[in-house]
Amino acid sequence: MSNKQILIRDVPESLYEWIENERHEKRVSQKDFLLKVLENAASQYAKKAGTAGPSAFSKMTLVYWKSKKFWLGKLLEHPEIMTQGTTLEELEHNIREAYMLMALDEVPDKYQIREVAIT
């Protein structure tokens, strides 16, 4: 995972106060609060656009290890999905891609998503 940065300056006072009030109430850092707000916005956008956003799927557990040449890994929740990478970042990218290929196998290009409760 890369460490990309965004710097925001000149935040309107009312918006800054809202951020501070909300994050204090939730007892999280400013960074964690803003990332959650952005993830939620991206998810809502993805639902409207009919595409998968960054938080459209649940987090899964990557089991990984180092071989002589590559990092190897598989998803604990889907052990049939296994891949490799020269770095951990590449392994994470490849496992996401492998999951999406499996999950969207035989799904047409124009698809929609909807959250459903499984009980």
PDB file of N, CA and C in Angstrom:
ATOM      1  N   MET A   1       0.853  -1.165   0.000  1.00  0.00           N
ATOM      2  CA  MET A   1       0.000   0.000   0.000  1.00  0.00           C
ATOM      3  C   MET A   1       0.902   1.232   0.000  1.00  0.00           C
ATOM      4  N   SER A   2       0.690   2.148  -0.949  1.00  0.00           N
ATOM      5  CA  SER A   2       1.537   3.341  -1.008  1.00  0.00           C
ATOM      6  C   SER A   2       1.035   4.398  -0.029  1.00  0.00           C
ATOM      7  N   ASN A   3       1.923   5.291   0.336  1.00  0.00           N
ATOM      8  CA  ASN A   3       1.573   6.362   1.278  1.00  0.00           C
ATOM      9  C   ASN A   3       1.369   7.659   0.513  1.00  0.00           C
ATOM     10  N   LYS A   4       0.276   7.756  -0.194  1.00  0.00           N
ATOM     11  CA  LYS A   4      -0.074   8.976  -0.919  1.00  0.00           C
ATOM     12  C   LYS A   4      -0.557  10.001   0.084  1.00  0.00           C
ATOM     13  N   GLN A   5      -0.373  11.280  -0.229  1.00  0.00           N
ATOM     14  CA  GLN A   5      -0.771  12.326   0.696  1.00  0.00           C
ATOM     15  C   GLN A   5      -1.636  13.362  -0.010  1.00  0.00           C
ATOM     16  N   ILE A   6      -2.534  13.935   0.756  1.00  0.00           N
ATOM     17  CA  ILE A   6      -3.360  15.047   0.301  1.00  0.00           C
ATOM     18  C   ILE A   6      -3.257  16.128   1.360  1.00  0.00           C
ATOM     19  N   LEU A   7      -2.957  17.325   0.953  1.00  0.00           N
ATOM     20  CA  LEU A   7      -2.879  18.454   1.871  1.00  0.00           C
ATOM     21  C   LEU A   7      -4.050  19.381   1.571  1.00  0.00           C
ATOM     22  N   ILE A   8      -4.838  19.695   2.571  1.00  0.00           N
ATOM     23  CA  ILE A   8      -5.984  20.581   2.391  1.00  0.00           C
ATOM     24  C   ILE A   8      -5.734  21.841   3.204  1.00  0.00           C
ATOM     25  N   ARG A   9      -5.791  22.967   2.538  1.00  0.00           N
ATOM     26  CA  ARG A   9      -5.592  24.254   3.205  1.00  0.00           C
ATOM     27  C   ARG A   9      -6.863  25.082   3.100  1.00  0.00           C
ATOM     28  N   ASP A  10      -6.947  26.096   3.936  1.00  0.00           N
ATOM     29  CA  ASP A  10      -8.052  27.059   3.882  1.00  0.00           C
ATOM     30  C   ASP A  10      -9.423  26.387   4.000  1.00  0.00           C
ATOM     31  N   VAL A  11      -9.568  25.524   4.981  1.00  0.00           N
ATOM     32  CA  VAL A  11     -10.849  24.860   5.239  1.00  0.00           C
ATOM     33  C   VAL A  11     -11.782  25.882   5.872  1.00  0.00           C
ATOM     34  N   PRO A  12     -13.005  26.019   5.345  1.00  0.00           N
ATOM     35  CA  PRO A  12     -13.952  26.970   5.942  1.00  0.00           C
ATOM     36  C   PRO A  12     -14.175  26.646   7.421  1.00  0.00           C
ATOM     37  N   GLU A  13     -14.302  27.687   8.232  1.00  0.00           N
ATOM     38  CA  GLU A  13     -14.425  27.543   9.679  1.00  0.00           C
ATOM     39  C   GLU A  13     -15.556  26.599  10.080  1.00  0.00           C
ATOM     40  N   SER A  14     -16.728  26.730   9.447  1.00  0.00           N
ATOM     41  CA  SER A  14     -17.865  25.886   9.827  1.00  0.00           C
ATOM     42  C   SER A  14     -17.586  24.417   9.519  1.00  0.00           C
ATOM     43  N   LEU A  15     -16.921  24.124   8.407  1.00  0.00           N
ATOM     44  CA  LEU A  15     -16.584  22.752   8.057  1.00  0.00           C
ATOM     45  C   LEU A  15     -15.526  22.200   9.016  1.00  0.00           C
ATOM     46  N   TYR A  16     -14.543  23.013   9.345  1.00  0.00           N
ATOM     47  CA  TYR A  16     -13.502  22.603  10.285  1.00  0.00           C
ATOM     48  C   TYR A  16     -14.105  22.268  11.651  1.00  0.00           C
ATOM     49  N   GLU A  17     -15.025  23.106  12.115  1.00  0.00           N
ATOM     50  CA  GLU A  17     -15.683  22.855  13.399  1.00  0.00           C
ATOM     51  C   GLU A  17     -16.477  21.560  13.370  1.00  0.00           C
ATOM     52  N   TRP A  18     -17.172  21.298  12.265  1.00  0.00           N
ATOM     53  CA  TRP A  18     -17.934  20.052  12.142  1.00  0.00           C
ATOM     54  C   TRP A  18     -16.998  18.855  12.214  1.00  0.00           C
ATOM     55  N   ILE A  19     -15.892  18.904  11.459  1.00  0.00           N
ATOM     56  CA  ILE A  19     -14.913  17.805  11.479  1.00  0.00           C
ATOM     57  C   ILE A  19     -14.405  17.575  12.890  1.00  0.00           C
ATOM     58  N   GLU A  20     -14.019  18.630  13.548  1.00  0.00           N
ATOM     59  CA  GLU A  20     -13.477  18.503  14.906  1.00  0.00           C
ATOM     60  C   GLU A  20     -14.519  17.956  15.884  1.00  0.00           C
ATOM     61  N   ASN A  21     -15.733  18.449  15.815  1.00  0.00           N
ATOM     62  CA  ASN A  21     -16.796  17.949  16.705  1.00  0.00           C
ATOM     63  C   ASN A  21     -17.068  16.465  16.465  1.00  0.00           C
ATOM     64  N   GLU A  22     -17.182  16.074  15.205  1.00  0.00           N
ATOM     65  CA  GLU A  22     -17.485  14.680  14.870  1.00  0.00           C
ATOM     66  C   GLU A  22     -16.353  13.747  15.280  1.00  0.00           C
ATOM     67  N   ARG A  23     -15.129  14.138  15.009  1.00  0.00           N
ATOM     68  CA  ARG A  23     -14.014  13.247  15.324  1.00  0.00           C
ATOM     69  C   ARG A  23     -13.806  13.116  16.830  1.00  0.00           C
ATOM     70  N   HIS A  24     -14.045  14.215  17.573  1.00  0.00           N
ATOM     71  CA  HIS A  24     -13.936  14.139  19.034  1.00  0.00           C
ATOM     72  C   HIS A  24     -15.030  13.233  19.595  1.00  0.00           C
ATOM     73  N   GLU A  25     -16.225  13.342  19.039  1.00  0.00           N
ATOM     74  CA  GLU A  25     -17.338  12.509  19.491  1.00  0.00           C
ATOM     75  C   GLU A  25     -17.050  11.032  19.230  1.00  0.00           C
ATOM     76  N   LYS A  26     -16.422  10.744  18.084  1.00  0.00           N
ATOM     77  CA  LYS A  26     -16.111   9.360  17.726  1.00  0.00           C
ATOM     78  C   LYS A  26     -14.763   8.911  18.292  1.00  0.00           C
ATOM     79  N   ARG A  27     -14.055   9.833  18.901  1.00  0.00           N
ATOM     80  CA  ARG A  27     -12.750   9.546  19.520  1.00  0.00           C
ATOM     81  C   ARG A  27     -11.753   8.951  18.531  1.00  0.00           C
ATOM     82  N   VAL A  28     -11.624   9.616  17.381  1.00  0.00           N
ATOM     83  CA  VAL A  28     -10.663   9.190  16.366  1.00  0.00           C
ATOM     84  C   VAL A  28      -9.811  10.384  15.961  1.00  0.00           C
ATOM     85  N   SER A  29      -8.713  10.085  15.312  1.00  0.00           N
ATOM     86  CA  SER A  29      -7.843  11.160  14.842  1.00  0.00           C
ATOM     87  C   SER A  29      -8.501  11.869  13.654  1.00  0.00           C
ATOM     88  N   GLN A  30      -8.007  13.048  13.374  1.00  0.00           N
ATOM     89  CA  GLN A  30      -8.526  13.802  12.234  1.00  0.00           C
ATOM     90  C   GLN A  30      -8.314  13.002  10.944  1.00  0.00           C
ATOM     91  N   LYS A  31      -7.140  12.411  10.818  1.00  0.00           N
ATOM     92  CA  LYS A  31      -6.825  11.604   9.626  1.00  0.00           C
ATOM     93  C   LYS A  31      -7.805  10.443   9.484  1.00  0.00           C
ATOM     94  N   ASP A  32      -8.001   9.665  10.556  1.00  0.00           N
ATOM     95  CA  ASP A  32      -8.904   8.511  10.493  1.00  0.00           C
ATOM     96  C   ASP A  32     -10.331   8.937  10.167  1.00  0.00           C
ATOM     97  N   PHE A  33     -10.769  10.037  10.763  1.00  0.00           N
ATOM     98  CA  PHE A  33     -12.125  10.515  10.505  1.00  0.00           C
ATOM     99  C   PHE A  33     -12.294  10.919   9.041  1.00  0.00           C
ATOM    100  N   LEU A  34     -11.353  11.695   8.519  1.00  0.00           N
ATOM    101  CA  LEU A  34     -11.464  12.164   7.137  1.00  0.00           C
ATOM    102  C   LEU A  34     -11.356  11.011   6.146  1.00  0.00           C
ATOM    103  N   LEU A  35     -10.500  10.031   6.423  1.00  0.00           N
ATOM    104  CA  LEU A  35     -10.407   8.875   5.531  1.00  0.00           C
ATOM    105  C   LEU A  35     -11.721   8.098   5.514  1.00  0.00           C
ATOM    106  N   LYS A  36     -12.368   7.965   6.667  1.00  0.00           N
ATOM    107  CA  LYS A  36     -13.651   7.261   6.727  1.00  0.00           C
ATOM    108  C   LYS A  36     -14.728   8.022   5.941  1.00  0.00           C
ATOM    109  N   VAL A  37     -14.752   9.335   6.077  1.00  0.00           N
ATOM    110  CA  VAL A  37     -15.710  10.153   5.325  1.00  0.00           C
ATOM    111  C   VAL A  37     -15.482   9.973   3.826  1.00  0.00           C
ATOM    112  N   LEU A  38     -14.219   9.981   3.387  1.00  0.00           N
ATOM    113  CA  LEU A  38     -13.912   9.808   1.967  1.00  0.00           C
ATOM    114  C   LEU A  38     -14.259   8.401   1.480  1.00  0.00           C
ATOM    115  N   GLU A  39     -13.986   7.375   2.296  1.00  0.00           N
ATOM    116  CA  GLU A  39     -14.361   6.009   1.928  1.00  0.00           C
ATOM    117  C   GLU A  39     -15.871   5.883   1.756  1.00  0.00           C
ATOM    118  N   ASN A  40     -16.630   6.477   2.682  1.00  0.00           N
ATOM    119  CA  ASN A  40     -18.092   6.430   2.586  1.00  0.00           C
ATOM    120  C   ASN A  40     -18.582   7.142   1.335  1.00  0.00           C
ATOM    121  N   ALA A  41     -17.992   8.283   1.022  1.00  0.00           N
ATOM    122  CA  ALA A  41     -18.386   9.029  -0.178  1.00  0.00           C
ATOM    123  C   ALA A  41     -18.067   8.220  -1.436  1.00  0.00           C
ATOM    124  N   ALA A  42     -16.899   7.571  -1.466  1.00  0.00           N
ATOM    125  CA  ALA A  42     -16.519   6.762  -2.627  1.00  0.00           C
ATOM    126  C   ALA A  42     -17.461   5.570  -2.781  1.00  0.00           C
ATOM    127  N   SER A  43     -17.854   4.975  -1.672  1.00  0.00           N
ATOM    128  CA  SER A  43     -18.772   3.847  -1.712  1.00  0.00           C
ATOM    129  C   SER A  43     -20.127   4.278  -2.252  1.00  0.00           C
ATOM    130  N   GLN A  44     -20.631   5.421  -1.790  1.00  0.00           N
ATOM    131  CA  GLN A  44     -21.917   5.935  -2.281  1.00  0.00           C
ATOM    132  C   GLN A  44     -21.841   6.243  -3.772  1.00  0.00           C
ATOM    133  N   TYR A  45     -20.735   6.823  -4.210  1.00  0.00           N
ATOM    134  CA  TYR A  45     -20.546   7.110  -5.630  1.00  0.00           C
ATOM    135  C   TYR A  45     -20.542   5.813  -6.438  1.00  0.00           C
ATOM    136  N   ALA A  46     -19.840   4.799  -5.919  1.00  0.00           N
ATOM    137  CA  ALA A  46     -19.754   3.519  -6.618  1.00  0.00           C
ATOM    138  C   ALA A  46     -21.135   2.880  -6.756  1.00  0.00           C
ATOM    139  N   LYS A  47     -21.958   2.991  -5.718  1.00  0.00           N
ATOM    140  CA  LYS A  47     -23.313   2.422  -5.781  1.00  0.00           C
ATOM    141  C   LYS A  47     -24.115   3.092  -6.884  1.00  0.00           C
ATOM    142  N   LYS A  48     -24.018   4.413  -6.973  1.00  0.00           N
ATOM    143  CA  LYS A  48     -24.776   5.148  -7.988  1.00  0.00           C
ATOM    144  C   LYS A  48     -24.249   4.854  -9.386  1.00  0.00           C
ATOM    145  N   ALA A  49     -22.914   4.697  -9.510  1.00  0.00           N
ATOM    146  CA  ALA A  49     -22.299   4.467 -10.808  1.00  0.00           C
ATOM    147  C   ALA A  49     -22.368   3.005 -11.231  1.00  0.00           C
ATOM    148  N   GLY A  50     -22.693   2.109 -10.292  1.00  0.00           N
ATOM    149  CA  GLY A  50     -22.758   0.686 -10.608  1.00  0.00           C
ATOM    150  C   GLY A  50     -21.399   0.037 -10.716  1.00  0.00           C
ATOM    151  N   THR A  51     -20.418   0.609 -10.033  1.00  0.00           N
ATOM    152  CA  THR A  51     -19.076   0.032 -10.038  1.00  0.00           C
ATOM    153  C   THR A  51     -18.637  -0.213  -8.614  1.00  0.00           C
ATOM    154  N   ALA A  52     -17.608  -0.969  -8.459  1.00  0.00           N
ATOM    155  CA  ALA A  52     -17.103  -1.293  -7.131  1.00  0.00           C
ATOM    156  C   ALA A  52     -16.137  -0.231  -6.656  1.00  0.00           C
ATOM    157  N   GLY A  53     -16.450   0.418  -5.555  1.00  0.00           N
ATOM    158  CA  GLY A  53     -15.568   1.414  -4.968  1.00  0.00           C
ATOM    159  C   GLY A  53     -14.652   0.786  -3.946  1.00  0.00           C
ATOM    160  N   PRO A  54     -13.810   1.573  -3.297  1.00  0.00           N
ATOM    161  CA  PRO A  54     -12.833   1.023  -2.371  1.00  0.00           C
ATOM    162  C   PRO A  54     -13.428   0.324  -1.172  1.00  0.00           C
ATOM    163  N   SER A  55     -14.624   0.703  -0.753  1.00  0.00           N
ATOM    164  CA  SER A  55     -15.199   0.022   0.404  1.00  0.00           C
ATOM    165  C   SER A  55     -16.483  -0.711   0.038  1.00  0.00           C
ATOM    166  N   ALA A  56     -16.635  -1.059  -1.244  1.00  0.00           N
ATOM    167  CA  ALA A  56     -17.843  -1.761  -1.662  1.00  0.00           C
ATOM    168  C   ALA A  56     -17.837  -3.214  -1.212  1.00  0.00           C
ATOM    169  N   PHE A  57     -16.676  -3.755  -0.896  1.00  0.00           N
ATOM    170  CA  PHE A  57     -16.565  -5.133  -0.432  1.00  0.00           C
ATOM    171  C   PHE A  57     -15.971  -5.150   0.957  1.00  0.00           C
ATOM    172  N   SER A  58     -16.234  -6.220   1.675  1.00  0.00           N
ATOM    173  CA  SER A  58     -15.694  -6.376   3.018  1.00  0.00           C
ATOM    174  C   SER A  58     -14.186  -6.553   2.966  1.00  0.00           C
ATOM    175  N   LYS A  59     -13.543  -6.246   4.071  1.00  0.00           N
ATOM    176  CA  LYS A  59     -12.125  -6.535   4.173  1.00  0.00           C
ATOM    177  C   LYS A  59     -11.969  -8.025   4.377  1.00  0.00           C
ATOM    178  N   MET A  60     -10.898  -8.570   3.836  1.00  0.00           N
ATOM    179  CA  MET A  60     -10.614  -9.987   3.976  1.00  0.00           C
ATOM    180  C   MET A  60      -9.214 -10.150   4.545  1.00  0.00           C
ATOM    181  N   THR A  61      -8.900 -11.362   4.957  1.00  0.00           N
ATOM    182  CA  THR A  61      -7.626 -11.648   5.599  1.00  0.00           C
ATOM    183  C   THR A  61      -6.663 -12.262   4.594  1.00  0.00           C
ATOM    184  N   LEU A  62      -5.535 -11.598   4.381  1.00  0.00           N
ATOM    185  CA  LEU A  62      -4.496 -12.102   3.493  1.00  0.00           C
ATOM    186  C   LEU A  62      -3.498 -12.895   4.322  1.00  0.00           C
ATOM    187  N   VAL A  63      -3.331 -14.166   3.988  1.00  0.00           N
ATOM    188  CA  VAL A  63      -2.306 -15.004   4.606  1.00  0.00           C
ATOM    189  C   VAL A  63      -1.140 -15.000   3.626  1.00  0.00           C
ATOM    190  N   TYR A  64       0.054 -14.598   4.073  1.00  0.00           N
ATOM    191  CA  TYR A  64       1.169 -14.475   3.139  1.00  0.00           C
ATOM    192  C   TYR A  64       2.475 -14.945   3.758  1.00  0.00           C
ATOM    193  N   TRP A  65       3.410 -15.264   2.881  1.00  0.00           N
ATOM    194  CA  TRP A  65       4.723 -15.712   3.307  1.00  0.00           C
ATOM    195  C   TRP A  65       5.725 -15.418   2.195  1.00  0.00           C
ATOM    196  N   LYS A  66       7.003 -15.454   2.543  1.00  0.00           N
ATOM    197  CA  LYS A  66       8.078 -15.155   1.605  1.00  0.00           C
ATOM    198  C   LYS A  66       8.705 -16.451   1.119  1.00  0.00           C
ATOM    199  N   SER A  67       8.748 -16.649  -0.201  1.00  0.00           N
ATOM    200  CA  SER A  67       9.497 -17.761  -0.768  1.00  0.00           C
ATOM    201  C   SER A  67      10.896 -17.234  -1.098  1.00  0.00           C
ATOM    202  N   LYS A  68      11.687 -17.982  -1.801  1.00  0.00           N
ATOM    203  CA  LYS A  68      13.032 -17.500  -2.133  1.00  0.00           C
ATOM    204  C   LYS A  68      12.990 -16.253  -3.011  1.00  0.00           C
ATOM    205  N   LYS A  69      12.012 -16.184  -3.908  1.00  0.00           N
ATOM    206  CA  LYS A  69      11.978 -15.081  -4.872  1.00  0.00           C
ATOM    207  C   LYS A  69      10.768 -14.150  -4.719  1.00  0.00           C
ATOM    208  N   PHE A  70       9.613 -14.675  -4.295  1.00  0.00           N
ATOM    209  CA  PHE A  70       8.375 -13.904  -4.288  1.00  0.00           C
ATOM    210  C   PHE A  70       7.698 -13.930  -2.924  1.00  0.00           C
ATOM    211  N   TRP A  71       6.797 -12.956  -2.713  1.00  0.00           N
ATOM    212  CA  TRP A  71       5.832 -13.020  -1.626  1.00  0.00           C
ATOM    213  C   TRP A  71       4.637 -13.779  -2.192  1.00  0.00           C
ATOM    214  N   LEU A  72       4.149 -14.771  -1.463  1.00  0.00           N
ATOM    215  CA  LEU A  72       2.994 -15.564  -1.873  1.00  0.00           C
ATOM    216  C   LEU A  72       1.876 -15.333  -0.877  1.00  0.00           C
ATOM    217  N   GLY A  73       0.645 -15.389  -1.349  1.00  0.00           N
ATOM    218  CA  GLY A  73      -0.459 -15.182  -0.430  1.00  0.00           C
ATOM    219  C   GLY A  73      -1.771 -15.704  -0.959  1.00  0.00           C
ATOM    220  N   LYS A  74      -2.689 -15.917  -0.014  1.00  0.00           N
ATOM    221  CA  LYS A  74      -4.050 -16.342  -0.357  1.00  0.00           C
ATOM    222  C   LYS A  74      -5.000 -15.706   0.633  1.00  0.00           C
ATOM    223  N   LEU A  75      -6.257 -15.626   0.242  1.00  0.00           N
ATOM    224  CA  LEU A  75      -7.277 -15.068   1.114  1.00  0.00           C
ATOM    225  C   LEU A  75      -7.797 -16.164   2.029  1.00  0.00           C
ATOM    226  N   LEU A  76      -7.810 -15.895   3.326  1.00  0.00           N
ATOM    227  CA  LEU A  76      -8.298 -16.870   4.290  1.00  0.00           C
ATOM    228  C   LEU A  76      -9.756 -17.222   4.009  1.00  0.00           C
ATOM    229  N   GLU A  77     -10.545 -16.211   3.626  1.00  0.00           N
ATOM    230  CA  GLU A  77     -11.968 -16.426   3.346  1.00  0.00           C
ATOM    231  C   GLU A  77     -12.197 -17.140   2.005  1.00  0.00           C
ATOM    232  N   HIS A  78     -11.226 -17.094   1.109  1.00  0.00           N
ATOM    233  CA  HIS A  78     -11.306 -17.751  -0.211  1.00  0.00           C
ATOM    234  C   HIS A  78      -9.964 -18.393  -0.509  1.00  0.00           C
ATOM    235  N   PRO A  79      -9.635 -19.518   0.137  1.00  0.00           N
ATOM    236  CA  PRO A  79      -8.306 -20.108  -0.022  1.00  0.00           C
ATOM    237  C   PRO A  79      -7.997 -20.569  -1.446  1.00  0.00           C
ATOM    238  N   GLU A  80      -9.010 -20.645  -2.294  1.00  0.00           N
ATOM    239  CA  GLU A  80      -8.764 -21.021  -3.686  1.00  0.00           C
ATOM    240  C   GLU A  80      -8.119 -19.882  -4.478  1.00  0.00           C
ATOM    241  N   ILE A  81      -8.134 -18.678  -3.919  1.00  0.00           N
ATOM    242  CA  ILE A  81      -7.525 -17.527  -4.580  1.00  0.00           C
ATOM    243  C   ILE A  81      -6.124 -17.342  -4.012  1.00  0.00           C
ATOM    244  N   MET A  82      -5.122 -17.536  -4.870  1.00  0.00           N
ATOM    245  CA  MET A  82      -3.727 -17.423  -4.454  1.00  0.00           C
ATOM    246  C   MET A  82      -2.967 -16.676  -5.528  1.00  0.00           C
ATOM    247  N   THR A  83      -1.990 -15.870  -5.121  1.00  0.00           N
ATOM    248  CA  THR A  83      -1.185 -15.131  -6.086  1.00  0.00           C
ATOM    249  C   THR A  83       0.175 -14.825  -5.477  1.00  0.00           C
ATOM    250  N   GLN A  84       0.974 -14.059  -6.207  1.00  0.00           N
ATOM    251  CA  GLN A  84       2.317 -13.721  -5.761  1.00  0.00           C
ATOM    252  C   GLN A  84       2.651 -12.290  -6.147  1.00  0.00           C
ATOM    253  N   GLY A  85       3.738 -11.773  -5.580  1.00  0.00           N
ATOM    254  CA  GLY A  85       4.233 -10.452  -5.917  1.00  0.00           C
ATOM    255  C   GLY A  85       5.692 -10.330  -5.508  1.00  0.00           C
ATOM    256  N   THR A  86       6.409  -9.430  -6.168  1.00  0.00           N
ATOM    257  CA  THR A  86       7.817  -9.238  -5.800  1.00  0.00           C
ATOM    258  C   THR A  86       7.944  -8.417  -4.528  1.00  0.00           C
ATOM    259  N   THR A  87       6.893  -7.647  -4.195  1.00  0.00           N
ATOM    260  CA  THR A  87       6.842  -6.880  -2.948  1.00  0.00           C
ATOM    261  C   THR A  87       5.501  -7.159  -2.281  1.00  0.00           C
ATOM    262  N   LEU A  88       5.382  -6.785  -1.007  1.00  0.00           N
ATOM    263  CA  LEU A  88       4.090  -6.947  -0.327  1.00  0.00           C
ATOM    264  C   LEU A  88       3.027  -6.086  -0.987  1.00  0.00           C
ATOM    265  N   GLU A  89       3.394  -4.879  -1.417  1.00  0.00           N
ATOM    266  CA  GLU A  89       2.433  -3.988  -2.078  1.00  0.00           C
ATOM    267  C   GLU A  89       1.915  -4.621  -3.367  1.00  0.00           C
ATOM    268  N   GLU A  90       2.832  -5.235  -4.143  1.00  0.00           N
ATOM    269  CA  GLU A  90       2.415  -5.892  -5.384  1.00  0.00           C
ATOM    270  C   GLU A  90       1.536  -7.110  -5.081  1.00  0.00           C
ATOM    271  N   LEU A  91       1.872  -7.843  -4.027  1.00  0.00           N
ATOM    272  CA  LEU A  91       1.047  -8.982  -3.614  1.00  0.00           C
ATOM    273  C   LEU A  91      -0.366  -8.523  -3.267  1.00  0.00           C
ATOM    274  N   GLU A  92      -0.495  -7.432  -2.487  1.00  0.00           N
ATOM    275  CA  GLU A  92      -1.826  -6.908  -2.134  1.00  0.00           C
ATOM    276  C   GLU A  92      -2.601  -6.504  -3.383  1.00  0.00           C
ATOM    277  N   HIS A  93      -1.931  -5.823  -4.294  1.00  0.00           N
ATOM    278  CA  HIS A  93      -2.581  -5.413  -5.544  1.00  0.00           C
ATOM    279  C   HIS A  93      -3.055  -6.645  -6.319  1.00  0.00           C
ATOM    280  N   ASN A  94      -2.180  -7.636  -6.432  1.00  0.00           N
ATOM    281  CA  ASN A  94      -2.501  -8.837  -7.198  1.00  0.00           C
ATOM    282  C   ASN A  94      -3.625  -9.650  -6.560  1.00  0.00           C
ATOM    283  N   ILE A  95      -3.682  -9.703  -5.224  1.00  0.00           N
ATOM    284  CA  ILE A  95      -4.745 -10.478  -4.570  1.00  0.00           C
ATOM    285  C   ILE A  95      -6.094  -9.786  -4.750  1.00  0.00           C
ATOM    286  N   ARG A  96      -6.101  -8.432  -4.729  1.00  0.00           N
ATOM    287  CA  ARG A  96      -7.352  -7.703  -4.999  1.00  0.00           C
ATOM    288  C   ARG A  96      -7.824  -7.985  -6.423  1.00  0.00           C
ATOM    289  N   GLU A  97      -6.889  -7.918  -7.359  1.00  0.00           N
ATOM    290  CA  GLU A  97      -7.214  -8.155  -8.757  1.00  0.00           C
ATOM    291  C   GLU A  97      -7.722  -9.590  -8.957  1.00  0.00           C
ATOM    292  N   ALA A  98      -7.062 -10.565  -8.331  1.00  0.00           N
ATOM    293  CA  ALA A  98      -7.485 -11.963  -8.449  1.00  0.00           C
ATOM    294  C   ALA A  98      -8.889 -12.153  -7.867  1.00  0.00           C
ATOM    295  N   TYR A  99      -9.156 -11.501  -6.730  1.00  0.00           N
ATOM    296  CA  TYR A  99     -10.487 -11.599  -6.124  1.00  0.00           C
ATOM    297  C   TYR A  99     -11.548 -11.023  -7.061  1.00  0.00           C
ATOM    298  N   MET A 100     -11.278  -9.842  -7.606  1.00  0.00           N
ATOM    299  CA  MET A 100     -12.257  -9.212  -8.486  1.00  0.00           C
ATOM    300  C   MET A 100     -12.488 -10.057  -9.743  1.00  0.00           C
ATOM    301  N   LEU A 101     -11.427 -10.643 -10.280  1.00  0.00           N
ATOM    302  CA  LEU A 101     -11.593 -11.511 -11.446  1.00  0.00           C
ATOM    303  C   LEU A 101     -12.489 -12.696 -11.117  1.00  0.00           C
ATOM    304  N   MET A 102     -12.284 -13.296  -9.940  1.00  0.00           N
ATOM    305  CA  MET A 102     -13.116 -14.427  -9.531  1.00  0.00           C
ATOM    306  C   MET A 102     -14.551 -13.979  -9.247  1.00  0.00           C
ATOM    307  N   ALA A 103     -14.688 -12.876  -8.501  1.00  0.00           N
ATOM    308  CA  ALA A 103     -16.017 -12.415  -8.100  1.00  0.00           C
ATOM    309  C   ALA A 103     -16.847 -11.968  -9.298  1.00  0.00           C
ATOM    310  N   LEU A 104     -16.195 -11.390 -10.302  1.00  0.00           N
ATOM    311  CA  LEU A 104     -16.928 -10.859 -11.448  1.00  0.00           C
ATOM    312  C   LEU A 104     -16.887 -11.779 -12.662  1.00  0.00           C
ATOM    313  N   ASP A 105     -16.419 -13.024 -12.467  1.00  0.00           N
ATOM    314  CA  ASP A 105     -16.402 -13.986 -13.558  1.00  0.00           C
ATOM    315  C   ASP A 105     -17.819 -14.167 -14.085  1.00  0.00           C
ATOM    316  N   GLU A 106     -17.976 -14.061 -15.377  1.00  0.00           N
ATOM    317  CA  GLU A 106     -19.251 -14.234 -16.067  1.00  0.00           C
ATOM    318  C   GLU A 106     -20.265 -13.125 -15.767  1.00  0.00           C
ATOM    319  N   VAL A 107     -19.818 -12.007 -15.214  1.00  0.00           N
ATOM    320  CA  VAL A 107     -20.693 -10.853 -14.988  1.00  0.00           C
ATOM    321  C   VAL A 107     -20.470  -9.893 -16.159  1.00  0.00           C
ATOM    322  N   PRO A 108     -21.546  -9.415 -16.807  1.00  0.00           N
ATOM    323  CA  PRO A 108     -21.368  -8.486 -17.929  1.00  0.00           C
ATOM    324  C   PRO A 108     -20.718  -7.179 -17.489  1.00  0.00           C
ATOM    325  N   ASP A 109     -20.135  -6.448 -18.450  1.00  0.00           N
ATOM    326  CA  ASP A 109     -19.445  -5.191 -18.156  1.00  0.00           C
ATOM    327  C   ASP A 109     -20.346  -4.180 -17.452  1.00  0.00           C
ATOM    328  N   LYS A 110     -21.599  -4.101 -17.850  1.00  0.00           N
ATOM    329  CA  LYS A 110     -22.531  -3.165 -17.212  1.00  0.00           C
ATOM    330  C   LYS A 110     -23.274  -3.910 -16.117  1.00  0.00           C
ATOM    331  N   TYR A 111     -22.843  -3.725 -14.890  1.00  0.00           N
ATOM    332  CA  TYR A 111     -23.480  -4.393 -13.768  1.00  0.00           C
ATOM    333  C   TYR A 111     -23.800  -3.374 -12.695  1.00  0.00           C
ATOM    334  N   GLN A 112     -24.646  -3.760 -11.778  1.00  0.00           N
ATOM    335  CA  GLN A 112     -25.008  -2.913 -10.656  1.00  0.00           C
ATOM    336  C   GLN A 112     -24.713  -3.679  -9.377  1.00  0.00           C
ATOM    337  N   ILE A 113     -24.543  -2.944  -8.289  1.00  0.00           N
ATOM    338  CA  ILE A 113     -24.331  -3.599  -7.008  1.00  0.00           C
ATOM    339  C   ILE A 113     -25.329  -3.074  -6.004  1.00  0.00           C
ATOM    340  N   ARG A 114     -25.634  -3.887  -5.017  1.00  0.00           N
ATOM    341  CA  ARG A 114     -26.538  -3.514  -3.942  1.00  0.00           C
ATOM    342  C   ARG A 114     -26.106  -4.282  -2.699  1.00  0.00           C
ATOM    343  N   GLU A 115     -26.095  -3.612  -1.563  1.00  0.00           N
ATOM    344  CA  GLU A 115     -25.765  -4.281  -0.320  1.00  0.00           C
ATOM    345  C   GLU A 115     -26.980  -5.063   0.149  1.00  0.00           C
ATOM    346  N   VAL A 116     -26.755  -6.304   0.573  1.00  0.00           N
ATOM    347  CA  VAL A 116     -27.823  -7.137   1.117  1.00  0.00           C
ATOM    348  C   VAL A 116     -27.351  -7.734   2.435  1.00  0.00           C
ATOM    349  N   ALA A 117     -28.276  -7.928   3.335  1.00  0.00           N
ATOM    350  CA  ALA A 117     -27.970  -8.554   4.620  1.00  0.00           C
ATOM    351  C   ALA A 117     -28.124 -10.050   4.475  1.00  0.00           C
ATOM    352  N   ILE A 118     -27.104 -10.785   4.906  1.00  0.00           N
ATOM    353  CA  ILE A 118     -27.156 -12.242   4.886  1.00  0.00           C
ATOM    354  C   ILE A 118     -27.382 -12.703   6.313  1.00  0.00           C
ATOM    355  N   THR A 119     -28.534 -13.326   6.582  1.00  0.00           N
ATOM    356  CA  THR A 119     -28.844 -13.761   7.944  1.00  0.00           C
ATOM    357  C   THR A 119     -28.924 -15.252   8.048  1.00  0.00           C
TER     358      THR A 119
END
